[in-house]
C-alpha cells in the first residue's frame, strides 16, 4: 500500500482509491505510481480520511474533483460566429506552416 496509515479512510474511500488505481494500471502505469496517484486523487476529492479520530467528527464528502470535467470547455468557441472560428483556424494553420518552415 502507499505511504501512510490508511486507517482513517472510510471503506468507500478505499474502494474509490482501488478503482482509480485499477484504471491507471489498465492504461499502462506501474502499480506503485497508479496507487500513489489514486490516493492523491482521493485526498484531493475528499480532503483526507473521513473517519472521526481525536476531537471532532468525520467530514462530509463533496466530490469537487468529480464535478469539474467539462465545466469550462467550449465557452470561448461557443460565443463566436462560424466566420470568426474559420478565420482563427486559418490563422493558426498559417502560423504552424511558418513555424515549420523556420525550423526546416
PDB file of N, CA and C in Angstrom:
ATOM      1  N   UNK A   1       0.830  -1.185   0.000  1.00  0.00           N
ATOM      2  CA  UNK A   1       0.000   0.000   0.000  1.00  0.00           C
ATOM      3  C   UNK A   1       0.874   1.247   0.000  1.00  0.00           C
ATOM      4  N   UNK A   2       0.314   2.369  -0.422  1.00  0.00           N
ATOM      5  CA  UNK A   2       1.059   3.609  -0.481  1.00  0.00           C
ATOM      6  C   UNK A   2       1.497   4.068   0.898  1.00  0.00           C
ATOM      7  N   UNK A   3       2.388   5.020   0.922  1.00  0.00           N
ATOM      8  CA  UNK A   3       2.936   5.522   2.174  1.00  0.00           C
ATOM      9  C   UNK A   3       1.816   6.070   3.063  1.00  0.00           C
ATOM     10  N   UNK A   4       1.928   5.840   4.342  1.00  0.00           N
ATOM     11  CA  UNK A   4       0.994   6.427   5.287  1.00  0.00           C
ATOM     12  C   UNK A   4      -0.052   5.450   5.778  1.00  0.00           C
ATOM     13  N   UNK A   5      -0.616   5.791   6.931  1.00  0.00           N
ATOM     14  CA  UNK A   5      -1.632   4.966   7.578  1.00  0.00           C
ATOM     15  C   UNK A   5      -2.990   5.255   6.946  1.00  0.00           C
ATOM     16  N   UNK A   6      -3.675   4.201   6.506  1.00  0.00           N
ATOM     17  CA  UNK A   6      -4.964   4.371   5.835  1.00  0.00           C
ATOM     18  C   UNK A   6      -6.140   4.071   6.767  1.00  0.00           C
ATOM     19  N   UNK A   7      -5.888   3.969   8.060  1.00  0.00           N
ATOM     20  CA  UNK A   7      -6.946   3.566   8.992  1.00  0.00           C
ATOM     21  C   UNK A   7      -8.050   4.619   9.122  1.00  0.00           C
ATOM     22  N   UNK A   8      -7.776   5.864   8.831  1.00  0.00           N
ATOM     23  CA  UNK A   8      -8.784   6.918   8.961  1.00  0.00           C
ATOM     24  C   UNK A   8      -9.645   7.073   7.707  1.00  0.00           C
ATOM     25  N   UNK A   9      -9.358   6.294   6.687  1.00  0.00           N
ATOM     26  CA  UNK A   9     -10.151   6.355   5.461  1.00  0.00           C
ATOM     27  C   UNK A   9     -11.342   5.421   5.580  1.00  0.00           C
ATOM     28  N   UNK A  10     -12.472   5.841   5.043  1.00  0.00           N
ATOM     29  CA  UNK A  10     -13.667   5.002   5.082  1.00  0.00           C
ATOM     30  C   UNK A  10     -13.537   3.887   4.048  1.00  0.00           C
ATOM     31  N   UNK A  11     -14.406   2.880   4.166  1.00  0.00           N
ATOM     32  CA  UNK A  11     -14.404   1.793   3.184  1.00  0.00           C
ATOM     33  C   UNK A  11     -14.681   2.327   1.793  1.00  0.00           C
ATOM     34  N   UNK A  12     -15.548   3.315   1.720  1.00  0.00           N
ATOM     35  CA  UNK A  12     -15.881   3.910   0.418  1.00  0.00           C
ATOM     36  C   UNK A  12     -14.656   4.589  -0.200  1.00  0.00           C
ATOM     37  N   UNK A  13     -13.891   5.294   0.626  1.00  0.00           N
ATOM     38  CA  UNK A  13     -12.684   5.949   0.126  1.00  0.00           C
ATOM     39  C   UNK A  13     -11.664   4.917  -0.349  1.00  0.00           C
ATOM     40  N   UNK A  14     -11.559   3.808   0.378  1.00  0.00           N
ATOM     41  CA  UNK A  14     -10.624   2.751  -0.015  1.00  0.00           C
ATOM     42  C   UNK A  14     -11.039   2.115  -1.339  1.00  0.00           C
ATOM     43  N   UNK A  15     -12.344   1.874  -1.503  1.00  0.00           N
ATOM     44  CA  UNK A  15     -12.847   1.318  -2.774  1.00  0.00           C
ATOM     45  C   UNK A  15     -12.597   2.281  -3.919  1.00  0.00           C
ATOM     46  N   UNK A  16     -12.810   3.549  -3.638  1.00  0.00           N
ATOM     47  CA  UNK A  16     -12.613   4.589  -4.648  1.00  0.00           C
ATOM     48  C   UNK A  16     -11.150   4.614  -5.115  1.00  0.00           C
ATOM     49  N   UNK A  17     -10.205   4.573  -4.163  1.00  0.00           N
ATOM     50  CA  UNK A  17      -8.781   4.575  -4.492  1.00  0.00           C
ATOM     51  C   UNK A  17      -8.410   3.330  -5.291  1.00  0.00           C
ATOM     52  N   UNK A  18      -8.978   2.197  -4.897  1.00  0.00           N
ATOM     53  CA  UNK A  18      -8.695   0.941  -5.594  1.00  0.00           C
ATOM     54  C   UNK A  18      -9.179   1.008  -7.045  1.00  0.00           C
ATOM     55  N   UNK A  19     -10.365   1.552  -7.233  1.00  0.00           N
ATOM     56  CA  UNK A  19     -10.940   1.666  -8.581  1.00  0.00           C
ATOM     57  C   UNK A  19     -10.104   2.605  -9.457  1.00  0.00           C
ATOM     58  N   UNK A  20      -9.682   3.720  -8.887  1.00  0.00           N
ATOM     59  CA  UNK A  20      -8.869   4.685  -9.629  1.00  0.00           C
ATOM     60  C   UNK A  20      -7.524   4.064  -9.996  1.00  0.00           C
ATOM     61  N   UNK A  21      -6.921   3.335  -9.060  1.00  0.00           N
ATOM     62  CA  UNK A  21      -5.631   2.687  -9.318  1.00  0.00           C
ATOM     63  C   UNK A  21      -5.757   1.653 -10.434  1.00  0.00           C
ATOM     64  N   UNK A  22      -6.835   0.876 -10.416  1.00  0.00           N
ATOM     65  CA  UNK A  22      -7.055  -0.116 -11.482  1.00  0.00           C
ATOM     66  C   UNK A  22      -7.161   0.559 -12.840  1.00  0.00           C
ATOM     67  N   UNK A  23      -7.819   1.704 -12.872  1.00  0.00           N
ATOM     68  CA  UNK A  23      -7.972   2.439 -14.122  1.00  0.00           C
ATOM     69  C   UNK A  23      -6.610   2.903 -14.655  1.00  0.00           C
ATOM     70  N   UNK A  24      -5.771   3.421 -13.752  1.00  0.00           N
ATOM     71  CA  UNK A  24      -4.431   3.851 -14.158  1.00  0.00           C
ATOM     72  C   UNK A  24      -3.610   2.661 -14.671  1.00  0.00           C
ATOM     73  N   UNK A  25      -3.695   1.538 -13.954  1.00  0.00           N
ATOM     74  CA  UNK A  25      -2.929   0.352 -14.358  1.00  0.00           C
ATOM     75  C   UNK A  25      -3.389  -0.171 -15.713  1.00  0.00           C
ATOM     76  N   UNK A  26      -4.691  -0.084 -15.975  1.00  0.00           N
ATOM     77  CA  UNK A  26      -5.225  -0.529 -17.270  1.00  0.00           C
ATOM     78  C   UNK A  26      -4.669   0.314 -18.413  1.00  0.00           C
ATOM     79  N   UNK A  27      -4.271   1.544 -18.092  1.00  0.00           N
ATOM     80  CA  UNK A  27      -3.685   2.428 -19.106  1.00  0.00           C
ATOM     81  C   UNK A  27      -2.163   2.317 -19.154  1.00  0.00           C
ATOM     82  N   UNK A  28      -1.605   1.318 -18.453  1.00  0.00           N
ATOM     83  CA  UNK A  28      -0.182   1.035 -18.569  1.00  0.00           C
ATOM     84  C   UNK A  28       0.729   1.675 -17.551  1.00  0.00           C
ATOM     85  N   UNK A  29       0.186   2.212 -16.484  1.00  0.00           N
ATOM     86  CA  UNK A  29       1.016   2.852 -15.473  1.00  0.00           C
ATOM     87  C   UNK A  29       1.520   1.795 -14.472  1.00  0.00           C
ATOM     88  N   UNK A  30       2.755   1.938 -13.982  1.00  0.00           N
ATOM     89  CA  UNK A  30       3.251   0.997 -12.973  1.00  0.00           C
ATOM     90  C   UNK A  30       2.358   1.005 -11.730  1.00  0.00           C
ATOM     91  N   UNK A  31       2.298  -0.133 -11.048  1.00  0.00           N
ATOM     92  CA  UNK A  31       1.372  -0.312  -9.926  1.00  0.00           C
ATOM     93  C   UNK A  31       1.581   0.711  -8.808  1.00  0.00           C
ATOM     94  N   UNK A  32       2.836   0.944  -8.424  1.00  0.00           N
ATOM     95  CA  UNK A  32       3.105   1.875  -7.318  1.00  0.00           C
ATOM     96  C   UNK A  32       2.699   3.302  -7.678  1.00  0.00           C
ATOM     97  N   UNK A  33       3.012   3.713  -8.896  1.00  0.00           N
ATOM     98  CA  UNK A  33       2.643   5.059  -9.351  1.00  0.00           C
ATOM     99  C   UNK A  33       1.125   5.201  -9.412  1.00  0.00           C
ATOM    100  N   UNK A  34       0.453   4.163  -9.914  1.00  0.00           N
ATOM    101  CA  UNK A  34      -1.007   4.190 -10.012  1.00  0.00           C
ATOM    102  C   UNK A  34      -1.636   4.326  -8.625  1.00  0.00           C
ATOM    103  N   UNK A  35      -1.104   3.590  -7.659  1.00  0.00           N
ATOM    104  CA  UNK A  35      -1.648   3.637  -6.307  1.00  0.00           C
ATOM    105  C   UNK A  35      -1.409   5.003  -5.662  1.00  0.00           C
ATOM    106  N   UNK A  36      -0.235   5.561  -5.878  1.00  0.00           N
ATOM    107  CA  UNK A  36       0.069   6.876  -5.323  1.00  0.00           C
ATOM    108  C   UNK A  36      -0.858   7.936  -5.898  1.00  0.00           C
ATOM    109  N   UNK A  37      -1.068   7.879  -7.201  1.00  0.00           N
ATOM    110  CA  UNK A  37      -1.962   8.847  -7.841  1.00  0.00           C
ATOM    111  C   UNK A  37      -3.403   8.659  -7.390  1.00  0.00           C
ATOM    112  N   UNK A  38      -3.795   7.404  -7.196  1.00  0.00           N
ATOM    113  CA  UNK A  38      -5.159   7.125  -6.753  1.00  0.00           C
ATOM    114  C   UNK A  38      -5.421   7.754  -5.387  1.00  0.00           C
ATOM    115  N   UNK A  39      -4.485   7.570  -4.443  1.00  0.00           N
ATOM    116  CA  UNK A  39      -4.677   8.149  -3.117  1.00  0.00           C
ATOM    117  C   UNK A  39      -4.605   9.667  -3.161  1.00  0.00           C
ATOM    118  N   UNK A  40      -3.770  10.210  -4.052  1.00  0.00           N
ATOM    119  CA  UNK A  40      -3.715  11.667  -4.205  1.00  0.00           C
ATOM    120  C   UNK A  40      -5.052  12.201  -4.703  1.00  0.00           C
ATOM    121  N   UNK A  41      -5.691  11.446  -5.593  1.00  0.00           N
ATOM    122  CA  UNK A  41      -6.994  11.848  -6.123  1.00  0.00           C
ATOM    123  C   UNK A  41      -8.053  11.788  -5.025  1.00  0.00           C
ATOM    124  N   UNK A  42      -8.031  10.738  -4.222  1.00  0.00           N
ATOM    125  CA  UNK A  42      -8.995  10.620  -3.114  1.00  0.00           C
ATOM    126  C   UNK A  42      -8.786  11.780  -2.142  1.00  0.00           C
ATOM    127  N   UNK A  43      -7.538  12.102  -1.839  1.00  0.00           N
ATOM    128  CA  UNK A  43      -7.258  13.210  -0.923  1.00  0.00           C
ATOM    129  C   UNK A  43      -7.734  14.539  -1.498  1.00  0.00           C
ATOM    130  N   UNK A  44      -7.535  14.731  -2.801  1.00  0.00           N
ATOM    131  CA  UNK A  44      -7.972  15.969  -3.440  1.00  0.00           C
ATOM    132  C   UNK A  44      -9.496  16.057  -3.403  1.00  0.00           C
ATOM    133  N   UNK A  45     -10.133  14.942  -3.648  1.00  0.00           N
ATOM    134  CA  UNK A  45     -11.587  14.889  -3.710  1.00  0.00           C
ATOM    135  C   UNK A  45     -12.227  15.064  -2.342  1.00  0.00           C
ATOM    136  N   UNK A  46     -11.691  14.386  -1.340  1.00  0.00           N
ATOM    137  CA  UNK A  46     -12.332  14.310  -0.024  1.00  0.00           C
ATOM    138  C   UNK A  46     -11.610  15.084   1.070  1.00  0.00           C
ATOM    139  N   UNK A  47     -10.397  15.510   0.821  1.00  0.00           N
ATOM    140  CA  UNK A  47      -9.649  16.219   1.856  1.00  0.00           C
ATOM    141  C   UNK A  47      -9.095  15.307   2.925  1.00  0.00           C
ATOM    142  N   UNK A  48      -8.766  14.063   2.572  1.00  0.00           N
ATOM    143  CA  UNK A  48      -8.166  13.141   3.527  1.00  0.00           C
ATOM    144  C   UNK A  48      -9.179  12.170   4.109  1.00  0.00           C
ATOM    145  N   UNK A  49      -8.749  11.458   5.143  1.00  0.00           N
ATOM    146  CA  UNK A  49      -9.599  10.451   5.766  1.00  0.00           C
ATOM    147  C   UNK A  49     -10.825  11.064   6.432  1.00  0.00           C
ATOM    148  N   UNK A  50     -11.947  10.365   6.359  1.00  0.00           N
ATOM    149  CA  UNK A  50     -13.195  10.902   6.881  1.00  0.00           C
ATOM    150  C   UNK A  50     -13.630  10.313   8.210  1.00  0.00           C
ATOM    151  N   UNK A  51     -12.972   9.255   8.666  1.00  0.00           N
ATOM    152  CA  UNK A  51     -13.378   8.651   9.935  1.00  0.00           C
ATOM    153  C   UNK A  51     -13.000   9.576  11.080  1.00  0.00           C
ATOM    154  N   UNK A  52     -13.879   9.659  12.087  1.00  0.00           N
ATOM    155  CA  UNK A  52     -13.558  10.525  13.221  1.00  0.00           C
ATOM    156  C   UNK A  52     -12.378   9.983  14.005  1.00  0.00           C
ATOM    157  N   UNK A  53     -11.578  10.874  14.514  1.00  0.00           N
ATOM    158  CA  UNK A  53     -10.440  10.468  15.318  1.00  0.00           C
ATOM    159  C   UNK A  53      -9.974  11.652  16.126  1.00  0.00           C
ATOM    160  N   UNK A  54      -9.597  11.444  17.344  1.00  0.00           N
ATOM    161  CA  UNK A  54      -9.227  12.559  18.196  1.00  0.00           C
ATOM    162  C   UNK A  54     -10.481  13.365  18.498  1.00  0.00           C
ATOM    163  N   UNK A  55     -10.355  14.685  18.534  1.00  0.00           N
ATOM    164  CA  UNK A  55     -11.546  15.508  18.774  1.00  0.00           C
ATOM    165  C   UNK A  55     -12.221  15.782  17.437  1.00  0.00           C
ATOM    166  N   UNK A  56     -13.475  16.059  17.478  1.00  0.00           N
ATOM    167  CA  UNK A  56     -14.197  16.360  16.251  1.00  0.00           C
ATOM    168  C   UNK A  56     -14.823  15.126  15.641  1.00  0.00           C
ATOM    169  N   UNK A  57     -15.401  15.288  14.476  1.00  0.00           N
ATOM    170  CA  UNK A  57     -16.122  14.199  13.817  1.00  0.00           C
ATOM    171  C   UNK A  57     -15.628  14.026  12.397  1.00  0.00           C
ATOM    172  N   UNK A  58     -16.151  12.996  11.739  1.00  0.00           N
ATOM    173  CA  UNK A  58     -15.835  12.793  10.334  1.00  0.00           C
ATOM    174  C   UNK A  58     -16.416  13.921   9.506  1.00  0.00           C
ATOM    175  N   UNK A  59     -15.878  14.136   8.321  1.00  0.00           N
ATOM    176  CA  UNK A  59     -16.303  15.252   7.484  1.00  0.00           C
ATOM    177  C   UNK A  59     -17.104  14.749   6.293  1.00  0.00           C
ATOM    178  N   UNK A  60     -18.008  15.557   5.810  1.00  0.00           N
ATOM    179  CA  UNK A  60     -18.824  15.189   4.648  1.00  0.00           C
ATOM    180  C   UNK A  60     -17.967  15.224   3.385  1.00  0.00           C
ATOM    181  N   UNK A  61     -18.383  14.471   2.377  1.00  0.00           N
ATOM    182  CA  UNK A  61     -17.667  14.420   1.104  1.00  0.00           C
ATOM    183  C   UNK A  61     -18.430  15.217   0.069  1.00  0.00           C
ATOM    184  N   UNK A  62     -17.765  16.164  -0.575  1.00  0.00           N
ATOM    185  CA  UNK A  62     -18.428  16.988  -1.583  1.00  0.00           C
ATOM    186  C   UNK A  62     -18.124  16.576  -3.004  1.00  0.00           C
ATOM    187  N   UNK A  63     -17.079  15.773  -3.225  1.00  0.00           N
ATOM    188  CA  UNK A  63     -16.636  15.315  -4.549  1.00  0.00           C
ATOM    189  C   UNK A  63     -16.357  16.457  -5.535  1.00  0.00           C
ATOM    190  N   UNK A  64     -15.594  17.489  -5.149  1.00  0.00           N
ATOM    191  CA  UNK A  64     -15.386  18.603  -6.070  1.00  0.00           C
ATOM    192  C   UNK A  64     -14.649  18.210  -7.350  1.00  0.00           C
ATOM    193  N   UNK A  65     -13.647  17.319  -7.256  1.00  0.00           N
ATOM    194  CA  UNK A  65     -12.874  16.961  -8.440  1.00  0.00           C
ATOM    195  C   UNK A  65     -13.726  16.193  -9.445  1.00  0.00           C
ATOM    196  N   UNK A  66     -14.681  15.422  -8.949  1.00  0.00           N
ATOM    197  CA  UNK A  66     -15.508  14.607  -9.827  1.00  0.00           C
ATOM    198  C   UNK A  66     -16.476  15.455 -10.650  1.00  0.00           C
ATOM    199  N   UNK A  67     -16.711  16.674 -10.237  1.00  0.00           N
ATOM    200  CA  UNK A  67     -17.686  17.514 -10.928  1.00  0.00           C
ATOM    201  C   UNK A  67     -17.041  18.576 -11.804  1.00  0.00           C
ATOM    202  N   UNK A  68     -15.713  18.554 -11.924  1.00  0.00           N
ATOM    203  CA  UNK A  68     -15.026  19.594 -12.684  1.00  0.00           C
ATOM    204  C   UNK A  68     -15.081  19.378 -14.188  1.00  0.00           C
ATOM    205  N   UNK A  69     -15.099  18.119 -14.618  1.00  0.00           N
ATOM    206  CA  UNK A  69     -14.956  17.819 -16.037  1.00  0.00           C
ATOM    207  C   UNK A  69     -16.010  18.478 -16.909  1.00  0.00           C
ATOM    208  N   UNK A  70     -15.575  19.096 -18.001  1.00  0.00           N
ATOM    209  CA  UNK A  70     -16.497  19.679 -18.964  1.00  0.00           C
ATOM    210  C   UNK A  70     -17.089  21.006 -18.543  1.00  0.00           C
ATOM    211  N   UNK A  71     -16.712  21.498 -17.383  1.00  0.00           N
ATOM    212  CA  UNK A  71     -17.329  22.710 -16.863  1.00  0.00           C
ATOM    213  C   UNK A  71     -16.973  23.945 -17.689  1.00  0.00           C
ATOM    214  N   UNK A  72     -15.697  24.076 -18.045  1.00  0.00           N
ATOM    215  CA  UNK A  72     -15.266  25.302 -18.710  1.00  0.00           C
ATOM    216  C   UNK A  72     -15.001  25.143 -20.202  1.00  0.00           C
ATOM    217  N   UNK A  73     -14.987  23.908 -20.690  1.00  0.00           N
ATOM    218  CA  UNK A  73     -14.622  23.689 -22.083  1.00  0.00           C
ATOM    219  C   UNK A  73     -15.639  24.215 -23.071  1.00  0.00           C
ATOM    220  N   UNK A  74     -15.159  24.846 -24.132  1.00  0.00           N
ATOM    221  CA  UNK A  74     -16.018  25.244 -25.235  1.00  0.00           C
ATOM    222  C   UNK A  74     -16.657  26.612 -25.114  1.00  0.00           C
ATOM    223  N   UNK A  75     -16.491  27.297 -23.996  1.00  0.00           N
ATOM    224  CA  UNK A  75     -17.159  28.579 -23.818  1.00  0.00           C
ATOM    225  C   UNK A  75     -16.621  29.649 -24.775  1.00  0.00           C
ATOM    226  N   UNK A  76     -15.315  29.659 -24.996  1.00  0.00           N
ATOM    227  CA  UNK A  76     -14.729  30.671 -25.883  1.00  0.00           C
ATOM    228  C   UNK A  76     -15.215  30.479 -27.315  1.00  0.00           C
ATOM    229  N   UNK A  77     -15.252  29.264 -27.751  1.00  0.00           N
ATOM    230  CA  UNK A  77     -15.659  28.964 -29.118  1.00  0.00           C
ATOM    231  C   UNK A  77     -17.150  29.183 -29.331  1.00  0.00           C
ATOM    232  N   UNK A  78     -17.954  28.918 -28.308  1.00  0.00           N
ATOM    233  CA  UNK A  78     -19.400  28.998 -28.444  1.00  0.00           C
ATOM    234  C   UNK A  78     -19.892  30.422 -28.681  1.00  0.00           C
ATOM    235  N   UNK A  79     -19.138  31.399 -28.223  1.00  0.00           N
ATOM    236  CA  UNK A  79     -19.560  32.791 -28.364  1.00  0.00           C
ATOM    237  C   UNK A  79     -19.170  33.426 -29.682  1.00  0.00           C
ATOM    238  N   UNK A  80     -18.525  32.678 -30.573  1.00  0.00           N
ATOM    239  CA  UNK A  80     -18.055  33.263 -31.834  1.00  0.00           C
ATOM    240  C   UNK A  80     -18.856  32.724 -33.024  1.00  0.00           C
ATOM    241  N   UNK A  81     -18.887  33.519 -34.085  1.00  0.00           N
ATOM    242  CA  UNK A  81     -19.584  33.094 -35.301  1.00  0.00           C
ATOM    243  C   UNK A  81     -18.728  32.078 -36.049  1.00  0.00           C
ATOM    244  N   UNK A  82     -19.348  31.415 -37.016  1.00  0.00           N
ATOM    245  CA  UNK A  82     -18.622  30.436 -37.827  1.00  0.00           C
ATOM    246  C   UNK A  82     -17.486  31.112 -38.578  1.00  0.00           C
ATOM    247  N   UNK A  83     -17.715  32.320 -39.076  1.00  0.00           N
ATOM    248  CA  UNK A  83     -16.681  33.051 -39.825  1.00  0.00           C
ATOM    249  C   UNK A  83     -15.479  33.378 -38.931  1.00  0.00           C
ATOM    250  N   UNK A  84     -15.762  33.769 -37.692  1.00  0.00           N
ATOM    251  CA  UNK A  84     -14.667  34.080 -36.763  1.00  0.00           C
ATOM    252  C   UNK A  84     -13.859  32.831 -36.436  1.00  0.00           C
ATOM    253  N   UNK A  85     -14.542  31.711 -36.205  1.00  0.00           N
ATOM    254  CA  UNK A  85     -13.830  30.465 -35.916  1.00  0.00           C
ATOM    255  C   UNK A  85     -12.997  30.033 -37.113  1.00  0.00           C
ATOM    256  N   UNK A  86     -13.538  30.169 -38.316  1.00  0.00           N
ATOM    257  CA  UNK A  86     -12.823  29.784 -39.530  1.00  0.00           C
ATOM    258  C   UNK A  86     -11.587  30.650 -39.733  1.00  0.00           C
ATOM    259  N   UNK A  87     -11.739  31.952 -39.499  1.00  0.00           N
ATOM    260  CA  UNK A  87     -10.600  32.863 -39.642  1.00  0.00           C
ATOM    261  C   UNK A  87      -9.508  32.504 -38.636  1.00  0.00           C
ATOM    262  N   UNK A  88      -9.903  32.172 -37.429  1.00  0.00           N
ATOM    263  CA  UNK A  88      -8.946  31.786 -36.400  1.00  0.00           C
ATOM    264  C   UNK A  88      -8.215  30.508 -36.798  1.00  0.00           C
ATOM    265  N   UNK A  89      -8.946  29.543 -37.359  1.00  0.00           N
ATOM    266  CA  UNK A  89      -8.332  28.292 -37.794  1.00  0.00           C
ATOM    267  C   UNK A  89      -7.345  28.525 -38.927  1.00  0.00           C
ATOM    268  N   UNK A  90      -7.697  29.401 -39.868  1.00  0.00           N
ATOM    269  CA  UNK A  90      -6.783  29.726 -40.980  1.00  0.00           C
ATOM    270  C   UNK A  90      -5.512  30.389 -40.452  1.00  0.00           C
ATOM    271  N   UNK A  91      -5.675  31.305 -39.503  1.00  0.00           N
ATOM    272  CA  UNK A  91      -4.523  31.992 -38.920  1.00  0.00           C
ATOM    273  C   UNK A  91      -3.611  30.998 -38.197  1.00  0.00           C
ATOM    274  N   UNK A  92      -4.204  30.054 -37.454  1.00  0.00           N
ATOM    275  CA  UNK A  92      -3.421  29.050 -36.735  1.00  0.00           C
ATOM    276  C   UNK A  92      -2.659  28.158 -37.705  1.00  0.00           C
ATOM    277  N   UNK A  93      -3.322  27.766 -38.800  1.00  0.00           N
ATOM    278  CA  UNK A  93      -2.674  26.927 -39.805  1.00  0.00           C
ATOM    279  C   UNK A  93      -1.496  27.659 -40.443  1.00  0.00           C
ATOM    280  N   UNK A  94      -1.677  28.937 -40.721  1.00  0.00           N
ATOM    281  CA  UNK A  94      -0.603  29.735 -41.315  1.00  0.00           C
ATOM    282  C   UNK A  94       0.588  29.849 -40.348  1.00  0.00           C
ATOM    283  N   UNK A  95       0.288  30.015 -39.061  1.00  0.00           N
ATOM    284  CA  UNK A  95       1.345  30.102 -38.054  1.00  0.00           C
ATOM    285  C   UNK A  95       2.112  28.794 -37.974  1.00  0.00           C
ATOM    286  N   UNK A  96       1.385  27.657 -37.967  1.00  0.00           N
ATOM    287  CA  UNK A  96       2.053  26.349 -37.919  1.00  0.00           C
ATOM    288  C   UNK A  96       2.934  26.160 -39.150  1.00  0.00           C
ATOM    289  N   UNK A  97       2.448  26.549 -40.306  1.00  0.00           N
ATOM    290  CA  UNK A  97       3.203  26.420 -41.544  1.00  0.00           C
ATOM    291  C   UNK A  97       4.487  27.270 -41.495  1.00  0.00           C
ATOM    292  N   UNK A  98       4.360  28.512 -41.008  1.00  0.00           N
ATOM    293  CA  UNK A  98       5.516  29.405 -40.908  1.00  0.00           C
ATOM    294  C   UNK A  98       6.534  28.853 -39.905  1.00  0.00           C
ATOM    295  N   UNK A  99       6.064  28.336 -38.808  1.00  0.00           N
ATOM    296  CA  UNK A  99       6.979  27.777 -37.804  1.00  0.00           C
ATOM    297  C   UNK A  99       7.703  26.533 -38.334  1.00  0.00           C
ATOM    298  N   UNK A 100       6.989  25.709 -39.092  1.00  0.00           N
ATOM    299  CA  UNK A 100       7.613  24.528 -39.685  1.00  0.00           C
ATOM    300  C   UNK A 100       8.677  24.924 -40.688  1.00  0.00           C
ATOM    301  N   UNK A 101       8.402  25.954 -41.472  1.00  0.00           N
ATOM    302  CA  UNK A 101       9.378  26.436 -42.456  1.00  0.00           C
ATOM    303  C   UNK A 101      10.609  27.021 -41.762  1.00  0.00           C
ATOM    304  N   UNK A 102      10.405  27.704 -40.666  1.00  0.00           N
ATOM    305  CA  UNK A 102      11.511  28.312 -39.932  1.00  0.00           C
ATOM    306  C   UNK A 102      12.404  27.248 -39.310  1.00  0.00           C
ATOM    307  N   UNK A 103      11.817  26.120 -38.886  1.00  0.00           N
ATOM    308  CA  UNK A 103      12.603  25.049 -38.287  1.00  0.00           C
ATOM    309  C   UNK A 103      13.367  24.247 -39.326  1.00  0.00           C
ATOM    310  N   UNK A 104      12.846  24.197 -40.533  1.00  0.00           N
ATOM    311  CA  UNK A 104      13.463  23.365 -41.584  1.00  0.00           C
ATOM    312  C   UNK A 104      14.703  23.996 -42.174  1.00  0.00           C
TER     313      UNK A 104
END
